[in-house]
PDB file of N, CA and C in Angstrom:
ATOM      1  N   MET A   1       0.763  -1.069  -0.005  1.00  0.00           N
ATOM      2  CA  MET A   1      -0.144  -0.095   0.101  1.00  0.00           C
ATOM      3  C   MET A   1       0.737   1.494   0.063  1.00  0.00           C
ATOM      4  N   SER A   2       0.516   2.109  -0.755  1.00  0.00           N
ATOM      5  CA  SER A   2       1.401   3.312  -1.052  1.00  0.00           C
ATOM      6  C   SER A   2       0.757   4.548  -0.473  1.00  0.00           C
ATOM      7  N   ASP A   3       1.165   5.679   0.314  1.00  0.00           N
ATOM      8  CA  ASP A   3       0.802   6.772   0.272  1.00  0.00           C
ATOM      9  C   ASP A   3       0.525   7.754  -0.814  1.00  0.00           C
ATOM     10  N   ARG A   4       1.228   7.251  -1.938  1.00  0.00           N
ATOM     11  CA  ARG A   4       1.385   8.303  -3.316  1.00  0.00           C
ATOM     12  C   ARG A   4      -0.103   8.372  -3.367  1.00  0.00           C
ATOM     13  N   PRO A   5      -0.502   9.431  -4.036  1.00  0.00           N
ATOM     14  CA  PRO A   5      -1.830   9.412  -4.473  1.00  0.00           C
ATOM     15  C   PRO A   5      -1.735   9.193  -6.025  1.00  0.00           C
ATOM     16  N   SER A   6      -2.955   8.559  -6.588  1.00  0.00           N
ATOM     17  CA  SER A   6      -2.650   7.815  -8.160  1.00  0.00           C
ATOM     18  C   SER A   6      -2.871   9.282  -8.861  1.00  0.00           C
ATOM     19  N   ASP A   7      -2.542   9.003 -10.170  1.00  0.00           N
ATOM     20  CA  ASP A   7      -2.891   9.702 -11.216  1.00  0.00           C
ATOM     21  C   ASP A   7      -4.380  10.566 -11.300  1.00  0.00           C
ATOM     22  N   ALA A   8      -5.161   9.387 -11.133  1.00  0.00           N
ATOM     23  CA  ALA A   8      -6.611   9.619 -11.087  1.00  0.00           C
ATOM     24  C   ALA A   8      -6.882  10.813 -10.244  1.00  0.00           C
ATOM     25  N   ALA A   9      -6.463  10.485  -8.840  1.00  0.00           N
ATOM     26  CA  ALA A   9      -6.836  11.410  -7.700  1.00  0.00           C
ATOM     27  C   ALA A   9      -6.089  12.787  -8.232  1.00  0.00           C
ATOM     28  N   LEU A  10      -5.027  12.865  -8.449  1.00  0.00           N
ATOM     29  CA  LEU A  10      -4.354  14.501  -8.750  1.00  0.00           C
ATOM     30  C   LEU A  10      -4.910  14.874  -9.940  1.00  0.00           C
ATOM     31  N   TRP A  11      -5.332  14.428 -10.977  1.00  0.00           N
ATOM     32  CA  TRP A  11      -5.992  15.029 -12.080  1.00  0.00           C
ATOM     33  C   TRP A  11      -7.792  15.468 -11.548  1.00  0.00           C
ATOM     34  N   ALA A  12      -8.063  14.669 -10.843  1.00  0.00           N
ATOM     35  CA  ALA A  12      -9.387  14.970 -10.302  1.00  0.00           C
ATOM     36  C   ALA A  12      -9.285  16.203  -9.056  1.00  0.00           C
ATOM     37  N   SER A  13      -8.127  16.585  -8.510  1.00  0.00           N
ATOM     38  CA  SER A  13      -7.972  17.563  -7.697  1.00  0.00           C
ATOM     39  C   SER A  13      -7.656  18.859  -8.478  1.00  0.00           C
ATOM     40  N   VAL A  14      -7.115  18.767  -9.791  1.00  0.00           N
ATOM     41  CA  VAL A  14      -7.070  19.885 -10.825  1.00  0.00           C
ATOM     42  C   VAL A  14      -7.977  20.322 -10.974  1.00  0.00           C
ATOM     43  N   SER A  15      -8.964  19.295 -11.573  1.00  0.00           N
ATOM     44  CA  SER A  15     -10.136  19.521 -12.499  1.00  0.00           C
ATOM     45  C   SER A  15     -11.117  20.285 -11.125  1.00  0.00           C
ATOM     46  N   ASP A  16     -11.186  19.595  -9.961  1.00  0.00           N
ATOM     47  CA  ASP A  16     -12.048  20.270  -9.260  1.00  0.00           C
ATOM     48  C   ASP A  16     -11.331  21.819  -8.429  1.00  0.00           C
ATOM     49  N   THR A  17     -10.662  22.085  -8.593  1.00  0.00           N
ATOM     50  CA  THR A  17      -9.741  23.264  -8.357  1.00  0.00           C
ATOM     51  C   THR A  17     -10.036  24.543  -9.516  1.00  0.00           C
ATOM     52  N   LEU A  18      -9.984  23.887 -10.684  1.00  0.00           N
ATOM     53  CA  LEU A  18     -10.512  24.793 -11.658  1.00  0.00           C
ATOM     54  C   LEU A  18     -12.084  25.016 -11.520  1.00  0.00           C
ATOM     55  N   ARG A  19     -12.594  24.100 -11.415  1.00  0.00           N
ATOM     56  CA  ARG A  19     -14.036  24.291 -11.454  1.00  0.00           C
ATOM     57  C   ARG A  19     -14.757  24.949 -10.398  1.00  0.00           C
ATOM     58  N   ARG A  20     -14.210  24.687  -9.576  1.00  0.00           N
ATOM     59  CA  ARG A  20     -14.743  25.703  -8.074  1.00  0.00           C
ATOM     60  C   ARG A  20     -14.020  26.889  -7.667  1.00  0.00           C
ATOM     61  N   THR A  21     -12.595  26.837  -8.016  1.00  0.00           N
ATOM     62  CA  THR A  21     -12.209  28.320  -7.605  1.00  0.00           C
ATOM     63  C   THR A  21     -11.828  29.276  -8.792  1.00  0.00           C
ATOM     64  N   VAL A  22     -11.395  28.821  -9.887  1.00  0.00           N
ATOM     65  CA  VAL A  22     -11.099  29.376 -10.737  1.00  0.00           C
ATOM     66  C   VAL A  22     -12.273  29.991 -11.727  1.00  0.00           C
ATOM     67  N   LEU A  23     -13.045  28.957 -12.248  1.00  0.00           N
ATOM     68  CA  LEU A  23     -14.186  29.272 -13.398  1.00  0.00           C
ATOM     69  C   LEU A  23     -15.044  30.255 -12.883  1.00  0.00           C
ATOM     70  N   PRO A  24     -15.515  29.979 -11.487  1.00  0.00           N
ATOM     71  CA  PRO A  24     -16.392  31.137 -11.140  1.00  0.00           C
ATOM     72  C   PRO A  24     -16.057  32.273 -10.906  1.00  0.00           C
ATOM     73  N   GLU A  25     -14.570  32.864 -11.118  1.00  0.00           N
ATOM     74  CA  GLU A  25     -14.034  34.138 -11.018  1.00  0.00           C
ATOM     75  C   GLU A  25     -13.858  34.552 -12.398  1.00  0.00           C
ATOM     76  N   LEU A  26     -14.158  34.144 -13.552  1.00  0.00           N
ATOM     77  CA  LEU A  26     -13.624  34.341 -14.697  1.00  0.00           C
ATOM     78  C   LEU A  26     -14.860  35.162 -15.613  1.00  0.00           C
ATOM     79  N   SER A  27     -14.728  36.320 -16.074  1.00  0.00           N
ATOM     80  CA  SER A  27     -16.220  36.764 -16.806  1.00  0.00           C
ATOM     81  C   SER A  27     -15.523  36.972 -18.463  1.00  0.00           C
ATOM     82  N   ASP A  28     -14.372  36.822 -18.453  1.00  0.00           N
ATOM     83  CA  ASP A  28     -13.729  36.591 -20.222  1.00  0.00           C
ATOM     84  C   ASP A  28     -14.205  35.652 -20.638  1.00  0.00           C
ATOM     85  N   PRO A  29     -15.216  35.655 -22.130  1.00  0.00           N
ATOM     86  CA  PRO A  29     -15.501  34.351 -22.264  1.00  0.00           C
ATOM     87  C   PRO A  29     -14.392  33.734 -22.941  1.00  0.00           C
ATOM     88  N   GLU A  30     -13.268  34.087 -23.539  1.00  0.00           N
ATOM     89  CA  GLU A  30     -12.061  33.189 -23.972  1.00  0.00           C
ATOM     90  C   GLU A  30     -11.619  32.670 -22.853  1.00  0.00           C
ATOM     91  N   ALA A  31     -11.241  33.428 -21.567  1.00  0.00           N
ATOM     92  CA  ALA A  31     -10.903  32.681 -20.156  1.00  0.00           C
ATOM     93  C   ALA A  31     -11.583  31.559 -19.718  1.00  0.00           C
ATOM     94  N   ARG A  32     -12.773  31.632 -19.784  1.00  0.00           N
ATOM     95  CA  ARG A  32     -13.934  30.396 -19.467  1.00  0.00           C
ATOM     96  C   ARG A  32     -13.570  29.505 -20.445  1.00  0.00           C
ATOM     97  N   ALA A  33     -13.678  29.852 -21.737  1.00  0.00           N
ATOM     98  CA  ALA A  33     -13.484  28.635 -22.495  1.00  0.00           C
ATOM     99  C   ALA A  33     -12.298  27.900 -22.332  1.00  0.00           C
ATOM    100  N   ALA A  34     -11.065  28.693 -22.103  1.00  0.00           N
ATOM    101  CA  ALA A  34     -10.003  27.795 -22.192  1.00  0.00           C
ATOM    102  C   ALA A  34      -9.874  27.340 -20.657  1.00  0.00           C
ATOM    103  N   THR A  35     -10.395  27.534 -19.720  1.00  0.00           N
ATOM    104  CA  THR A  35     -10.603  26.799 -18.354  1.00  0.00           C
ATOM    105  C   THR A  35     -11.489  25.599 -18.539  1.00  0.00           C
ATOM    106  N   ILE A  36     -12.402  25.604 -19.156  1.00  0.00           N
ATOM    107  CA  ILE A  36     -13.201  24.659 -19.639  1.00  0.00           C
ATOM    108  C   ILE A  36     -12.742  23.536 -20.171  1.00  0.00           C
ATOM    109  N   GLN A  37     -11.992  23.994 -21.063  1.00  0.00           N
ATOM    110  CA  GLN A  37     -10.943  23.003 -21.971  1.00  0.00           C
ATOM    111  C   GLN A  37      -9.950  22.033 -21.029  1.00  0.00           C
ATOM    112  N   LEU A  38      -9.430  23.125 -19.991  1.00  0.00           N
ATOM    113  CA  LEU A  38      -8.392  22.426 -19.035  1.00  0.00           C
ATOM    114  C   LEU A  38      -9.061  21.525 -18.119  1.00  0.00           C
ATOM    115  N   ILE A  39     -10.236  21.971 -17.662  1.00  0.00           N
ATOM    116  CA  ILE A  39     -11.112  21.039 -17.095  1.00  0.00           C
ATOM    117  C   ILE A  39     -11.527  19.463 -17.599  1.00  0.00           C
ATOM    118  N   ALA A  40     -11.667  19.873 -18.892  1.00  0.00           N
ATOM    119  CA  ALA A  40     -11.912  18.467 -19.824  1.00  0.00           C
ATOM    120  C   ALA A  40     -10.988  17.851 -19.984  1.00  0.00           C
ATOM    121  N   LEU A  41      -9.720  18.276 -20.027  1.00  0.00           N
ATOM    122  CA  LEU A  41      -8.170  17.570 -20.113  1.00  0.00           C
ATOM    123  C   LEU A  41      -8.089  16.779 -18.953  1.00  0.00           C
ATOM    124  N   ALA A  42      -8.283  17.414 -18.024  1.00  0.00           N
ATOM    125  CA  ALA A  42      -8.024  16.957 -16.410  1.00  0.00           C
ATOM    126  C   ALA A  42      -8.870  15.798 -16.222  1.00  0.00           C
ATOM    127  N   VAL A  43     -10.137  16.022 -16.697  1.00  0.00           N
ATOM    128  CA  VAL A  43     -11.114  14.714 -16.486  1.00  0.00           C
ATOM    129  C   VAL A  43     -10.654  13.631 -17.335  1.00  0.00           C
ATOM    130  N   TYR A  44     -10.441  14.225 -18.539  1.00  0.00           N
ATOM    131  CA  TYR A  44      -9.972  12.953 -19.524  1.00  0.00           C
ATOM    132  C   TYR A  44      -8.526  12.522 -19.230  1.00  0.00           C
ATOM    133  N   ALA A  45      -7.835  13.305 -18.641  1.00  0.00           N
ATOM    134  CA  ALA A  45      -6.162  12.530 -18.060  1.00  0.00           C
ATOM    135  C   ALA A  45      -6.365  11.548 -17.001  1.00  0.00           C
ATOM    136  N   GLY A  46      -7.359  11.851 -15.971  1.00  0.00           N
ATOM    137  CA  GLY A  46      -7.606  10.892 -14.958  1.00  0.00           C
ATOM    138  C   GLY A  46      -8.580   9.638 -15.537  1.00  0.00           C
ATOM    139  N   ARG A  47      -9.252   9.783 -16.474  1.00  0.00           N
ATOM    140  CA  ARG A  47     -10.204   8.505 -16.881  1.00  0.00           C
ATOM    141  C   ARG A  47      -9.331   7.860 -17.748  1.00  0.00           C
ATOM    142  N   ARG A  48      -8.523   8.067 -18.443  1.00  0.00           N
ATOM    143  CA  ARG A  48      -7.849   7.454 -19.914  1.00  0.00           C
ATOM    144  C   ARG A  48      -7.442   5.978 -19.446  1.00  0.00           C
ATOM    145  N   GLY A  49      -6.853   5.690 -18.525  1.00  0.00           N
ATOM    146  CA  GLY A  49      -6.020   4.879 -17.974  1.00  0.00           C
ATOM    147  C   GLY A  49      -4.846   4.288 -18.708  1.00  0.00           C
ATOM    148  N   ILE A  50      -4.463   2.975 -18.845  1.00  0.00           N
ATOM    149  CA  ILE A  50      -3.359   2.607 -19.832  1.00  0.00           C
ATOM    150  C   ILE A  50      -3.744   2.416 -21.414  1.00  0.00           C
ATOM    151  N   ASP A  51      -2.973   2.673 -22.161  1.00  0.00           N
ATOM    152  CA  ASP A  51      -2.913   2.720 -23.383  1.00  0.00           C
ATOM    153  C   ASP A  51      -3.772   1.355 -24.231  1.00  0.00           C
ATOM    154  N   PRO A  52      -4.876   1.533 -24.500  1.00  0.00           N
ATOM    155  CA  PRO A  52      -5.665   0.119 -25.045  1.00  0.00           C
ATOM    156  C   PRO A  52      -5.084  -0.455 -26.280  1.00  0.00           C
ATOM    157  N   ALA A  53      -4.124   0.145 -26.994  1.00  0.00           N
ATOM    158  CA  ALA A  53      -4.105  -0.370 -28.089  1.00  0.00           C
ATOM    159  C   ALA A  53      -3.483  -1.659 -28.431  1.00  0.00           C
ATOM    160  N   ARG A  54      -2.753  -2.188 -27.681  1.00  0.00           N
ATOM    161  CA  ARG A  54      -1.944  -3.460 -27.636  1.00  0.00           C
ATOM    162  C   ARG A  54      -3.241  -4.559 -27.295  1.00  0.00           C
ATOM    163  N   ARG A  55      -4.078  -4.463 -26.432  1.00  0.00           N
ATOM    164  CA  ARG A  55      -5.041  -5.040 -26.025  1.00  0.00           C
ATOM    165  C   ARG A  55      -5.998  -5.356 -26.977  1.00  0.00           C
ATOM    166  N   ARG A  56      -6.409  -4.188 -27.825  1.00  0.00           N
ATOM    167  CA  ARG A  56      -7.224  -3.898 -28.805  1.00  0.00           C
ATOM    168  C   ARG A  56      -6.397  -4.891 -30.205  1.00  0.00           C
ATOM    169  N   SER A  57      -5.266  -4.809 -30.369  1.00  0.00           N
ATOM    170  CA  SER A  57      -4.724  -5.223 -31.366  1.00  0.00           C
ATOM    171  C   SER A  57      -4.833  -6.812 -31.158  1.00  0.00           C
ATOM    172  N   ASP A  58      -4.600  -7.407 -30.161  1.00  0.00           N
ATOM    173  CA  ASP A  58      -4.375  -8.667 -29.753  1.00  0.00           C
ATOM    174  C   ASP A  58      -5.972  -9.239 -29.670  1.00  0.00           C
ATOM    175  N   GLU A  59      -6.791  -8.572 -29.288  1.00  0.00           N
ATOM    176  CA  GLU A  59      -8.287  -8.784 -29.524  1.00  0.00           C
ATOM    177  C   GLU A  59      -8.711  -9.167 -31.140  1.00  0.00           C
ATOM    178  N   LEU A  60      -8.567  -7.939 -32.023  1.00  0.00           N
ATOM    179  CA  LEU A  60      -8.946  -8.197 -33.143  1.00  0.00           C
ATOM    180  C   LEU A  60      -8.146  -9.243 -33.809  1.00  0.00           C
ATOM    181  N   SER A  61      -6.846  -9.667 -33.611  1.00  0.00           N
ATOM    182  CA  SER A  61      -6.054 -10.664 -34.221  1.00  0.00           C
ATOM    183  C   SER A  61      -6.727 -11.545 -33.916  1.00  0.00           C
ATOM    184  N   GLU A  62      -6.873 -12.069 -32.580  1.00  0.00           N
ATOM    185  CA  GLU A  62      -7.542 -13.507 -32.205  1.00  0.00           C
ATOM    186  C   GLU A  62      -9.141 -13.632 -32.956  1.00  0.00           C
ATOM    187  N   ALA A  63      -9.686 -12.496 -33.205  1.00  0.00           N
ATOM    188  CA  ALA A  63     -10.833 -12.784 -33.999  1.00  0.00           C
ATOM    189  C   ALA A  63     -10.720 -13.172 -35.109  1.00  0.00           C
ATOM    190  N   LEU A  64      -9.699 -12.192 -35.893  1.00  0.00           N
ATOM    191  CA  LEU A  64      -9.408 -12.688 -37.183  1.00  0.00           C
ATOM    192  C   LEU A  64      -8.735 -13.908 -37.524  1.00  0.00           C
ATOM    193  N   GLY A  65      -8.141 -14.623 -36.686  1.00  0.00           N
ATOM    194  CA  GLY A  65      -7.550 -15.709 -36.391  1.00  0.00           C
ATOM    195  C   GLY A  65      -6.454 -15.855 -37.696  1.00  0.00           C
ATOM    196  N   GLY A  66      -6.554 -16.794 -38.764  1.00  0.00           N
ATOM    197  CA  GLY A  66      -5.071 -16.989 -39.599  1.00  0.00           C
ATOM    198  C   GLY A  66      -5.375 -15.906 -40.751  1.00  0.00           C
ATOM    199  N   ALA A  67      -6.871 -15.046 -40.878  1.00  0.00           N
ATOM    200  CA  ALA A  67      -6.767 -14.154 -41.686  1.00  0.00           C
ATOM    201  C   ALA A  67      -5.607 -12.559 -40.997  1.00  0.00           C
ATOM    202  N   ALA A  68      -5.503 -12.679 -39.869  1.00  0.00           N
ATOM    203  CA  ALA A  68      -4.919 -11.507 -39.391  1.00  0.00           C
ATOM    204  C   ALA A  68      -3.911 -11.176 -40.178  1.00  0.00           C
ATOM    205  N   GLY A  69      -2.892 -11.608 -40.436  1.00  0.00           N
ATOM    206  CA  GLY A  69      -1.778 -11.146 -41.120  1.00  0.00           C
ATOM    207  C   GLY A  69      -0.876 -10.133 -40.352  1.00  0.00           C
ATOM    208  N   GLN A  70      -0.049  -9.350 -41.014  1.00  0.00           N
ATOM    209  CA  GLN A  70       0.780  -8.553 -40.409  1.00  0.00           C
ATOM    210  C   GLN A  70       0.654  -7.335 -39.931  1.00  0.00           C
ATOM    211  N   ASP A  71      -0.557  -6.628 -40.726  1.00  0.00           N
ATOM    212  CA  ASP A  71      -1.237  -5.381 -40.484  1.00  0.00           C
ATOM    213  C   ASP A  71      -2.719  -5.877 -40.128  1.00  0.00           C
ATOM    214  N   VAL A  72      -3.032  -5.764 -38.671  1.00  0.00           N
ATOM    215  CA  VAL A  72      -4.184  -6.225 -38.104  1.00  0.00           C
ATOM    216  C   VAL A  72      -5.323  -5.311 -38.612  1.00  0.00           C
ATOM    217  N   MET A  73      -5.145  -4.133 -38.376  1.00  0.00           N
ATOM    218  CA  MET A  73      -6.143  -2.719 -38.960  1.00  0.00           C
ATOM    219  C   MET A  73      -6.310  -3.033 -40.605  1.00  0.00           C
ATOM    220  N   ARG A  74      -5.206  -3.378 -41.007  1.00  0.00           N
ATOM    221  CA  ARG A  74      -5.442  -3.522 -42.539  1.00  0.00           C
ATOM    222  C   ARG A  74      -6.298  -4.791 -42.890  1.00  0.00           C
ATOM    223  N   SER A  75      -6.170  -5.980 -42.229  1.00  0.00           N
ATOM    224  CA  SER A  75      -7.072  -7.210 -42.379  1.00  0.00           C
ATOM    225  C   SER A  75      -8.486  -6.683 -41.726  1.00  0.00           C
ATOM    226  N   CYS A  76      -8.483  -6.120 -40.956  1.00  0.00           N
ATOM    227  CA  CYS A  76     -10.047  -5.807 -40.402  1.00  0.00           C
ATOM    228  C   CYS A  76     -10.754  -4.732 -41.508  1.00  0.00           C
ATOM    229  N   ILE A  77      -9.940  -3.881 -42.128  1.00  0.00           N
ATOM    230  CA  ILE A  77     -10.634  -3.079 -43.460  1.00  0.00           C
ATOM    231  C   ILE A  77     -10.870  -4.150 -44.485  1.00  0.00           C
ATOM    232  N   ALA A  78     -10.375  -5.178 -44.622  1.00  0.00           N
ATOM    233  CA  ALA A  78     -10.451  -6.046 -45.758  1.00  0.00           C
ATOM    234  C   ALA A  78     -11.881  -6.987 -45.578  1.00  0.00           C
ATOM    235  N   VAL A  79     -11.848  -7.075 -43.928  1.00  0.00           N
ATOM    236  CA  VAL A  79     -13.071  -7.752 -43.697  1.00  0.00           C
ATOM    237  C   VAL A  79     -14.304  -7.014 -43.764  1.00  0.00           C
ATOM    238  N   LEU A  80     -14.084  -5.661 -43.318  1.00  0.00           N
ATOM    239  CA  LEU A  80     -15.681  -4.614 -43.423  1.00  0.00           C
ATOM    240  C   LEU A  80     -15.645  -4.398 -44.786  1.00  0.00           C
ATOM    241  N   ALA A  81     -14.882  -4.554 -45.692  1.00  0.00           N
ATOM    242  CA  ALA A  81     -15.218  -4.170 -47.061  1.00  0.00           C
ATOM    243  C   ALA A  81     -15.812  -5.090 -47.747  1.00  0.00           C
ATOM    244  N   ASP A  82     -16.011  -6.482 -47.083  1.00  0.00           N
ATOM    245  CA  ASP A  82     -16.654  -7.545 -47.854  1.00  0.00           C
ATOM    246  C   ASP A  82     -17.952  -7.946 -46.995  1.00  0.00           C
ATOM    247  N   PRO A  83     -19.015  -7.492 -47.506  1.00  0.00           N
ATOM    248  CA  PRO A  83     -20.211  -7.901 -46.702  1.00  0.00           C
ATOM    249  C   PRO A  83     -20.546  -9.233 -46.706  1.00  0.00           C
ATOM    250  N   HIS A  84     -19.704 -10.103 -47.302  1.00  0.00           N
ATOM    251  CA  HIS A  84     -20.155 -11.825 -47.004  1.00  0.00           C
ATOM    252  C   HIS A  84     -19.069 -12.247 -46.386  1.00  0.00           C
ATOM    253  N   HIS A  85     -18.103 -11.449 -45.588  1.00  0.00           N
ATOM    254  CA  HIS A  85     -17.160 -12.202 -45.011  1.00  0.00           C
ATOM    255  C   HIS A  85     -17.598 -12.831 -43.569  1.00  0.00           C
ATOM    256  N   ARG A  86     -17.214 -14.011 -43.390  1.00  0.00           N
ATOM    257  CA  ARG A  86     -17.795 -14.975 -42.374  1.00  0.00           C
ATOM    258  C   ARG A  86     -17.440 -14.228 -41.079  1.00  0.00           C
ATOM    259  N   ILE A  87     -16.659 -13.416 -40.891  1.00  0.00           N
ATOM    260  CA  ILE A  87     -16.380 -12.671 -39.770  1.00  0.00           C
ATOM    261  C   ILE A  87     -16.957 -11.101 -39.314  1.00  0.00           C
ATOM    262  N   LEU A  88     -17.603 -10.740 -40.465  1.00  0.00           N
ATOM    263  CA  LEU A  88     -17.761  -9.364 -40.218  1.00  0.00           C
ATOM    264  C   LEU A  88     -18.363  -8.732 -39.425  1.00  0.00           C
ATOM    265  N   HIS A  89     -19.399  -9.300 -38.880  1.00  0.00           N
ATOM    266  CA  HIS A  89     -20.184  -9.006 -37.693  1.00  0.00           C
ATOM    267  C   HIS A  89     -19.663  -9.050 -36.305  1.00  0.00           C
ATOM    268  N   VAL A  90     -18.703 -10.062 -36.087  1.00  0.00           N
ATOM    269  CA  VAL A  90     -17.541 -10.004 -35.022  1.00  0.00           C
ATOM    270  C   VAL A  90     -16.678  -8.795 -35.061  1.00  0.00           C
ATOM    271  N   ILE A  91     -15.865  -8.566 -36.276  1.00  0.00           N
ATOM    272  CA  ILE A  91     -14.907  -7.621 -36.315  1.00  0.00           C
ATOM    273  C   ILE A  91     -15.859  -5.954 -35.924  1.00  0.00           C
ATOM    274  N   ARG A  92     -17.082  -5.979 -36.764  1.00  0.00           N
ATOM    275  CA  ARG A  92     -17.792  -5.026 -36.452  1.00  0.00           C
ATOM    276  C   ARG A  92     -18.259  -4.450 -34.923  1.00  0.00           C
ATOM    277  N   GLU A  93     -18.484  -5.583 -34.458  1.00  0.00           N
ATOM    278  CA  GLU A  93     -18.491  -5.821 -32.765  1.00  0.00           C
ATOM    279  C   GLU A  93     -17.718  -5.237 -32.075  1.00  0.00           C
ATOM    280  N   ILE A  94     -16.544  -5.853 -32.319  1.00  0.00           N
ATOM    281  CA  ILE A  94     -15.456  -5.357 -31.534  1.00  0.00           C
ATOM    282  C   ILE A  94     -14.925  -3.773 -31.579  1.00  0.00           C
ATOM    283  N   LEU A  95     -14.898  -3.485 -32.973  1.00  0.00           N
ATOM    284  CA  LEU A  95     -14.536  -2.276 -33.533  1.00  0.00           C
ATOM    285  C   LEU A  95     -15.673  -1.194 -32.688  1.00  0.00           C
ATOM    286  N   GLY A  96     -16.942  -1.771 -32.620  1.00  0.00           N
ATOM    287  CA  GLY A  96     -17.932  -0.855 -31.921  1.00  0.00           C
ATOM    288  C   GLY A  96     -17.610  -0.385 -30.702  1.00  0.00           C
ATOM    289  N   GLY A  97     -17.407  -1.766 -30.247  1.00  0.00           N
ATOM    290  CA  GLY A  97     -16.982  -1.633 -28.650  1.00  0.00           C
ATOM    291  C   GLY A  97     -15.983  -0.753 -28.206  1.00  0.00           C
ATOM    292  N   HIS A  98     -14.971  -0.869 -29.258  1.00  0.00           N
ATOM    293  CA  HIS A  98     -13.794   0.051 -28.873  1.00  0.00           C
ATOM    294  C   HIS A  98     -14.125   1.784 -29.184  1.00  0.00           C
ATOM    295  N   LEU A  99     -15.177   1.684 -29.870  1.00  0.00           N
ATOM    296  CA  LEU A  99     -15.707   3.124 -30.159  1.00  0.00           C
ATOM    297  C   LEU A  99     -16.160   3.953 -28.973  1.00  0.00           C
ATOM    298  N   ASP A 100     -17.024   2.667 -28.541  1.00  0.00           N
ATOM    299  CA  ASP A 100     -18.095   2.979 -27.290  1.00  0.00           C
ATOM    300  C   ASP A 100     -17.047   3.493 -25.934  1.00  0.00           C
ATOM    301  N   ASP A 101     -15.991   2.682 -25.979  1.00  0.00           N
ATOM    302  CA  ASP A 101     -15.200   2.896 -25.153  1.00  0.00           C
ATOM    303  C   ASP A 101     -14.195   4.175 -24.933  1.00  0.00           C
ATOM    304  N   ASP A 102     -14.038   4.476 -26.079  1.00  0.00           N
ATOM    305  CA  ASP A 102     -13.405   5.827 -26.360  1.00  0.00           C
ATOM    306  C   ASP A 102     -14.144   7.216 -26.248  1.00  0.00           C
ATOM    307  N   LEU A 103     -15.426   6.743 -26.776  1.00  0.00           N
ATOM    308  CA  LEU A 103     -16.408   7.854 -26.296  1.00  0.00           C
ATOM    309  C   LEU A 103     -16.962   8.127 -25.007  1.00  0.00           C
ATOM    310  N   GLU A 104     -17.085   7.298 -24.340  1.00  0.00           N
ATOM    311  CA  GLU A 104     -16.980   6.854 -22.688  1.00  0.00           C
ATOM    312  C   GLU A 104     -15.974   7.967 -22.281  1.00  0.00           C
ATOM    313  N   VAL A 105     -14.843   7.438 -22.320  1.00  0.00           N
ATOM    314  CA  VAL A 105     -13.500   8.141 -21.701  1.00  0.00           C
ATOM    315  C   VAL A 105     -13.455   9.860 -22.211  1.00  0.00           C
ATOM    316  N   GLU A 106     -13.743   9.877 -23.548  1.00  0.00           N
ATOM    317  CA  GLU A 106     -13.585  11.231 -24.432  1.00  0.00           C
ATOM    318  C   GLU A 106     -14.493  12.274 -24.130  1.00  0.00           C
ATOM    319  N   SER A 107     -15.657  11.731 -23.407  1.00  0.00           N
ATOM    320  CA  SER A 107     -17.021  12.442 -23.370  1.00  0.00           C
ATOM    321  C   SER A 107     -16.743  13.930 -22.688  1.00  0.00           C
ATOM    322  N   ALA A 108     -15.660  14.064 -21.600  1.00  0.00           N
ATOM    323  CA  ALA A 108     -15.270  15.322 -21.032  1.00  0.00           C
ATOM    324  C   ALA A 108     -14.958  16.185 -22.088  1.00  0.00           C
ATOM    325  N   MET A 109     -14.123  15.694 -23.271  1.00  0.00           N
ATOM    326  CA  MET A 109     -13.332  16.692 -24.183  1.00  0.00           C
ATOM    327  C   MET A 109     -14.619  16.934 -25.264  1.00  0.00           C
ATOM    328  N   LEU A 110     -15.526  16.181 -25.244  1.00  0.00           N
ATOM    329  CA  LEU A 110     -16.642  16.652 -26.315  1.00  0.00           C
ATOM    330  C   LEU A 110     -17.898  17.382 -25.409  1.00  0.00           C
ATOM    331  N   GLN A 111     -17.736  17.397 -24.237  1.00  0.00           N
ATOM    332  CA  GLN A 111     -18.467  18.392 -23.655  1.00  0.00           C
ATOM    333  C   GLN A 111     -18.023  19.769 -23.921  1.00  0.00           C
ATOM    334  N   ALA A 112     -16.737  19.894 -23.508  1.00  0.00           N
ATOM    335  CA  ALA A 112     -16.071  20.882 -23.603  1.00  0.00           C
ATOM    336  C   ALA A 112     -16.007  21.787 -24.934  1.00  0.00           C
ATOM    337  N   ILE A 113     -15.824  21.019 -26.060  1.00  0.00           N
ATOM    338  CA  ILE A 113     -16.108  21.349 -27.222  1.00  0.00           C
ATOM    339  C   ILE A 113     -17.389  22.401 -27.322  1.00  0.00           C
ATOM    340  N   ASN A 114     -18.397  21.722 -26.744  1.00  0.00           N
ATOM    341  CA  ASN A 114     -19.860  22.161 -26.985  1.00  0.00           C
ATOM    342  C   ASN A 114     -20.000  23.325 -25.630  1.00  0.00           C
ATOM    343  N   GLY A 115     -18.818  23.934 -24.880  1.00  0.00           N
ATOM    344  CA  GLY A 115     -18.870  24.990 -24.405  1.00  0.00           C
ATOM    345  C   GLY A 115     -19.476  24.228 -22.724  1.00  0.00           C
ATOM    346  N   GLN A 116     -19.554  23.293 -22.457  1.00  0.00           N
ATOM    347  CA  GLN A 116     -20.279  22.711 -21.383  1.00  0.00           C
ATOM    348  C   GLN A 116     -19.089  22.195 -20.497  1.00  0.00           C
ATOM    349  N   VAL A 117     -19.323  22.612 -19.043  1.00  0.00           N
ATOM    350  CA  VAL A 117     -18.145  22.158 -18.279  1.00  0.00           C
ATOM    351  C   VAL A 117     -18.597  20.911 -18.033  1.00  0.00           C
ATOM    352  N   PRO A 118     -17.739  19.893 -18.189  1.00  0.00           N
ATOM    353  CA  PRO A 118     -17.530  18.417 -18.254  1.00  0.00           C
ATOM    354  C   PRO A 118     -17.959  17.671 -16.793  1.00  0.00           C
ATOM    355  N   ASN A 119     -18.671  16.730 -16.709  1.00  0.00           N
ATOM    356  CA  ASN A 119     -18.792  16.231 -15.618  1.00  0.00           C
ATOM    357  C   ASN A 119     -17.765  15.363 -15.067  1.00  0.00           C
ATOM    358  N   GLY A 120     -17.552  15.218 -13.930  1.00  0.00           N
ATOM    359  CA  GLY A 120     -16.628  14.188 -13.301  1.00  0.00           C
ATOM    360  C   GLY A 120     -15.530  15.287 -12.637  1.00  0.00           C
TER     361      GLY A 120
END
């Protein structure tokens, strides 16, 4: 057990400080927008966790089996381009799940783009 705060806890502290202390004091629209974007960045940084690229590549490679080849994403594109490929729906489902995961983690950034103070 460590007394060291986690990265998520540190970023939550940054987000909370910006949200409660800095943002209420800003009347300049550009400064408010920049602070909202910084809040979003802090929320995103605290949520994003480890890079999922290797796990995702392995998951797709396993689903592709012998069709995986050297370039997994190129193989996925070939499957998606063939409406009759036997694993089309499997690959589409896996990639859809990856997209859903990314959108969940990146929702704070999307809120900030729309000028909303992100949740979290």
